N, C-alpha and C. Protein backbone atom coordinates (compact mmCIF):
# COMPACT_ATOMS: atom_id res chain seq x y z
N MET A 1 31.93 20.94 5.93
CA MET A 1 31.37 20.09 6.94
C MET A 1 32.40 19.00 7.29
N LYS A 2 32.57 18.74 8.55
CA LYS A 2 33.54 17.77 9.02
C LYS A 2 32.84 16.48 9.46
N LEU A 3 33.29 15.34 8.92
CA LEU A 3 32.68 14.06 9.28
C LEU A 3 33.19 13.53 10.62
N GLU A 4 34.47 13.71 10.88
CA GLU A 4 35.05 13.16 12.10
C GLU A 4 34.33 13.71 13.32
N ASP A 5 34.20 12.87 14.30
CA ASP A 5 33.59 13.22 15.59
C ASP A 5 32.07 13.37 15.54
N PHE A 6 31.44 13.10 14.38
CA PHE A 6 29.98 13.12 14.34
C PHE A 6 29.47 11.93 15.11
N GLU A 7 28.46 12.12 15.92
CA GLU A 7 27.85 11.02 16.67
C GLU A 7 26.34 11.18 16.60
N GLY A 8 25.67 10.11 16.28
CA GLY A 8 24.21 10.14 16.20
C GLY A 8 23.61 8.88 16.79
N ARG A 9 22.35 8.95 17.08
CA ARG A 9 21.62 7.80 17.62
C ARG A 9 20.50 7.47 16.64
N VAL A 10 20.38 6.18 16.32
CA VAL A 10 19.34 5.73 15.39
C VAL A 10 18.60 4.56 16.02
N GLU A 11 17.38 4.37 15.56
CA GLU A 11 16.60 3.23 16.02
C GLU A 11 16.26 2.38 14.80
N VAL A 12 16.60 1.09 14.87
CA VAL A 12 16.34 0.15 13.79
C VAL A 12 15.62 -1.05 14.37
N GLU A 13 14.43 -1.31 13.87
CA GLU A 13 13.63 -2.45 14.33
C GLU A 13 13.50 -2.47 15.85
N GLY A 14 13.25 -1.30 16.43
CA GLY A 14 13.02 -1.20 17.87
C GLY A 14 14.27 -1.21 18.73
N ARG A 15 15.44 -1.32 18.12
CA ARG A 15 16.71 -1.31 18.87
C ARG A 15 17.44 -0.01 18.60
N ARG A 16 17.99 0.58 19.66
CA ARG A 16 18.74 1.84 19.53
C ARG A 16 20.22 1.55 19.35
N HIS A 17 20.84 2.33 18.46
CA HIS A 17 22.27 2.18 18.17
C HIS A 17 22.93 3.55 18.20
N VAL A 18 24.18 3.58 18.61
CA VAL A 18 24.99 4.79 18.56
C VAL A 18 25.92 4.66 17.36
N VAL A 19 25.93 5.68 16.50
CA VAL A 19 26.79 5.72 15.32
C VAL A 19 27.83 6.80 15.55
N LYS A 20 29.12 6.40 15.50
CA LYS A 20 30.22 7.35 15.66
C LYS A 20 31.04 7.34 14.37
N VAL A 21 31.15 8.50 13.73
CA VAL A 21 31.96 8.60 12.51
C VAL A 21 33.39 8.90 12.92
N LEU A 22 34.32 8.04 12.48
CA LEU A 22 35.72 8.16 12.84
C LEU A 22 36.54 8.86 11.76
N GLY A 23 36.05 8.84 10.53
CA GLY A 23 36.78 9.47 9.43
C GLY A 23 36.05 9.25 8.13
N GLY A 24 36.57 9.81 7.07
CA GLY A 24 35.94 9.61 5.78
C GLY A 24 36.46 10.60 4.76
N GLY A 25 35.92 10.48 3.57
CA GLY A 25 36.32 11.38 2.50
C GLY A 25 35.59 11.03 1.21
N ALA A 26 35.87 11.79 0.18
CA ALA A 26 35.24 11.57 -1.12
C ALA A 26 36.31 11.59 -2.19
N GLU A 27 36.07 10.82 -3.25
CA GLU A 27 37.01 10.79 -4.37
C GLU A 27 36.24 10.50 -5.65
N PHE A 28 36.77 11.00 -6.77
CA PHE A 28 36.20 10.69 -8.07
C PHE A 28 36.93 9.49 -8.64
N GLY A 29 36.20 8.67 -9.36
CA GLY A 29 36.77 7.50 -10.00
C GLY A 29 36.09 7.28 -11.32
N LYS A 30 36.47 6.21 -11.98
CA LYS A 30 35.84 5.85 -13.25
C LYS A 30 35.18 4.50 -13.13
N GLY A 31 34.00 4.39 -13.68
CA GLY A 31 33.26 3.14 -13.69
C GLY A 31 33.37 2.48 -15.05
N ARG A 32 32.52 1.51 -15.27
CA ARG A 32 32.48 0.83 -16.56
C ARG A 32 32.16 1.84 -17.66
N GLY A 33 32.82 1.72 -18.77
CA GLY A 33 32.59 2.61 -19.88
C GLY A 33 33.18 4.00 -19.68
N GLY A 34 34.03 4.14 -18.66
CA GLY A 34 34.69 5.42 -18.43
C GLY A 34 33.84 6.47 -17.76
N ARG A 35 32.64 6.07 -17.27
CA ARG A 35 31.77 7.02 -16.58
C ARG A 35 32.40 7.54 -15.31
N LYS A 36 32.22 8.81 -15.04
CA LYS A 36 32.74 9.42 -13.83
C LYS A 36 31.84 9.05 -12.65
N LEU A 37 32.45 8.61 -11.54
CA LEU A 37 31.72 8.23 -10.34
C LEU A 37 32.23 9.04 -9.15
N LEU A 38 31.37 9.24 -8.18
CA LEU A 38 31.75 9.85 -6.91
C LEU A 38 31.62 8.78 -5.84
N ARG A 39 32.71 8.50 -5.13
CA ARG A 39 32.68 7.52 -4.05
C ARG A 39 32.88 8.25 -2.73
N ILE A 40 31.96 8.02 -1.81
CA ILE A 40 32.06 8.60 -0.47
C ILE A 40 32.35 7.45 0.48
N LYS A 41 33.48 7.55 1.19
CA LYS A 41 33.88 6.50 2.13
C LYS A 41 33.78 7.05 3.54
N ILE A 42 33.17 6.27 4.42
CA ILE A 42 33.02 6.67 5.81
C ILE A 42 33.47 5.51 6.69
N THR A 43 34.35 5.79 7.64
CA THR A 43 34.72 4.81 8.65
C THR A 43 33.91 5.16 9.88
N ALA A 44 33.12 4.19 10.35
CA ALA A 44 32.22 4.45 11.47
C ALA A 44 32.20 3.27 12.41
N GLU A 45 31.77 3.56 13.62
CA GLU A 45 31.58 2.52 14.63
C GLU A 45 30.09 2.52 14.96
N VAL A 46 29.46 1.35 14.78
CA VAL A 46 28.04 1.20 15.06
C VAL A 46 27.89 0.07 16.07
N GLY A 47 27.35 0.38 17.21
CA GLY A 47 27.17 -0.64 18.24
C GLY A 47 28.48 -1.29 18.66
N GLY A 48 29.57 -0.52 18.65
CA GLY A 48 30.86 -1.04 19.06
C GLY A 48 31.63 -1.77 17.97
N VAL A 49 31.09 -1.85 16.76
CA VAL A 49 31.75 -2.55 15.65
C VAL A 49 32.21 -1.52 14.62
N ARG A 50 33.50 -1.52 14.29
CA ARG A 50 34.08 -0.57 13.34
C ARG A 50 34.04 -1.17 11.94
N ARG A 51 33.57 -0.36 10.97
CA ARG A 51 33.50 -0.78 9.57
C ARG A 51 33.75 0.42 8.68
N GLU A 52 34.10 0.13 7.43
CA GLU A 52 34.18 1.16 6.41
C GLU A 52 32.98 0.99 5.49
N TYR A 53 32.29 2.08 5.24
CA TYR A 53 31.11 2.07 4.40
C TYR A 53 31.41 2.91 3.16
N VAL A 54 30.96 2.43 2.00
CA VAL A 54 31.22 3.14 0.74
C VAL A 54 29.89 3.31 0.00
N MET A 55 29.63 4.54 -0.43
CA MET A 55 28.47 4.83 -1.26
C MET A 55 28.99 5.37 -2.58
N THR A 56 28.44 4.92 -3.68
CA THR A 56 28.90 5.33 -5.00
C THR A 56 27.75 5.99 -5.75
N TYR A 57 28.03 7.14 -6.34
CA TYR A 57 27.04 7.87 -7.11
C TYR A 57 27.54 8.03 -8.53
N GLY A 58 26.62 7.92 -9.48
CA GLY A 58 26.96 8.11 -10.88
C GLY A 58 25.74 8.56 -11.66
N ARG A 59 25.94 8.94 -12.89
CA ARG A 59 24.84 9.34 -13.78
C ARG A 59 24.54 8.18 -14.71
N HIS A 60 23.25 7.84 -14.83
CA HIS A 60 22.86 6.67 -15.62
C HIS A 60 21.60 6.94 -16.44
N GLY A 61 21.44 6.17 -17.48
CA GLY A 61 20.22 6.20 -18.28
C GLY A 61 20.17 7.34 -19.28
N ALA A 62 19.11 7.30 -20.08
CA ALA A 62 18.92 8.28 -21.14
C ALA A 62 18.73 9.69 -20.58
N ASP A 63 18.16 9.79 -19.38
CA ASP A 63 17.93 11.11 -18.78
C ASP A 63 19.09 11.56 -17.90
N ASN A 64 20.18 10.77 -17.87
CA ASN A 64 21.39 11.12 -17.11
C ASN A 64 21.10 11.35 -15.62
N ALA A 65 20.19 10.55 -15.06
CA ALA A 65 19.77 10.70 -13.67
C ALA A 65 20.89 10.29 -12.72
N ALA A 66 21.01 11.02 -11.61
CA ALA A 66 21.99 10.67 -10.57
C ALA A 66 21.45 9.49 -9.78
N VAL A 67 22.26 8.43 -9.67
CA VAL A 67 21.86 7.21 -8.97
C VAL A 67 22.95 6.87 -7.96
N GLY A 68 22.53 6.51 -6.75
CA GLY A 68 23.48 6.12 -5.72
C GLY A 68 23.32 4.66 -5.36
N ARG A 69 24.42 4.02 -4.99
CA ARG A 69 24.39 2.62 -4.56
C ARG A 69 25.25 2.47 -3.32
N ALA A 70 24.81 1.58 -2.44
CA ALA A 70 25.58 1.22 -1.25
C ALA A 70 25.55 -0.29 -1.14
N TYR A 71 26.58 -0.87 -0.58
CA TYR A 71 26.67 -2.31 -0.45
C TYR A 71 26.65 -2.71 1.01
N ALA A 72 25.86 -3.72 1.31
CA ALA A 72 25.78 -4.23 2.68
C ALA A 72 26.42 -5.61 2.71
N SER A 73 27.14 -5.89 3.75
CA SER A 73 27.82 -7.17 3.89
C SER A 73 27.05 -8.06 4.85
N VAL A 74 27.08 -9.36 4.60
CA VAL A 74 26.36 -10.30 5.46
C VAL A 74 26.92 -10.34 6.86
N ASP A 75 28.18 -9.93 7.04
CA ASP A 75 28.75 -9.96 8.38
C ASP A 75 28.54 -8.65 9.14
N ALA A 76 27.74 -7.75 8.56
CA ALA A 76 27.44 -6.49 9.25
C ALA A 76 26.53 -6.77 10.44
N PRO A 77 26.65 -5.98 11.50
CA PRO A 77 25.78 -6.18 12.66
C PRO A 77 24.31 -6.11 12.24
N GLY A 78 23.53 -7.04 12.71
CA GLY A 78 22.11 -7.07 12.38
C GLY A 78 21.82 -7.76 11.07
N GLY A 79 22.87 -8.28 10.40
CA GLY A 79 22.68 -8.96 9.13
C GLY A 79 21.89 -10.24 9.31
N ARG A 80 21.16 -10.60 8.30
CA ARG A 80 20.31 -11.79 8.39
C ARG A 80 20.69 -12.83 7.35
N GLY A 81 21.97 -12.87 7.01
CA GLY A 81 22.41 -13.86 6.04
C GLY A 81 22.08 -13.48 4.61
N ALA A 82 21.80 -12.22 4.37
CA ALA A 82 21.49 -11.77 3.00
C ALA A 82 22.75 -11.80 2.16
N THR A 83 22.58 -11.86 0.87
CA THR A 83 23.74 -11.84 -0.01
C THR A 83 24.25 -10.42 -0.13
N ARG A 84 25.49 -10.31 -0.55
CA ARG A 84 26.09 -8.99 -0.74
C ARG A 84 25.62 -8.46 -2.09
N ARG A 85 24.99 -7.29 -2.07
CA ARG A 85 24.50 -6.74 -3.32
C ARG A 85 24.34 -5.25 -3.19
N GLY A 86 24.30 -4.58 -4.32
CA GLY A 86 24.08 -3.14 -4.32
C GLY A 86 22.61 -2.84 -4.26
N SER A 87 22.28 -1.73 -3.66
CA SER A 87 20.88 -1.31 -3.62
C SER A 87 20.83 0.19 -3.78
N PRO A 88 19.81 0.66 -4.50
CA PRO A 88 19.69 2.10 -4.69
C PRO A 88 19.51 2.81 -3.35
N LEU A 89 20.07 3.98 -3.25
CA LEU A 89 19.92 4.79 -2.03
C LEU A 89 18.64 5.58 -2.09
């Protein structure tokens, strides 16, 4: 599957946005304690603003469950002054 040239339309809080994926990729890395992580990076343009988005997946807990996290920045379009923090996907 190719990420480049993907274009989609989404509606958030009654406003429509065009999302254009310009590039991206995936890589394995190591987290705390040497855990293997999968990082997916996507460069996209949303509403005319270009940003790089990163989602990180890893295995956690006694049941080794797959957990994903993404980080949102306060300067992202539509941001409401929230702090920068990870949130489960």
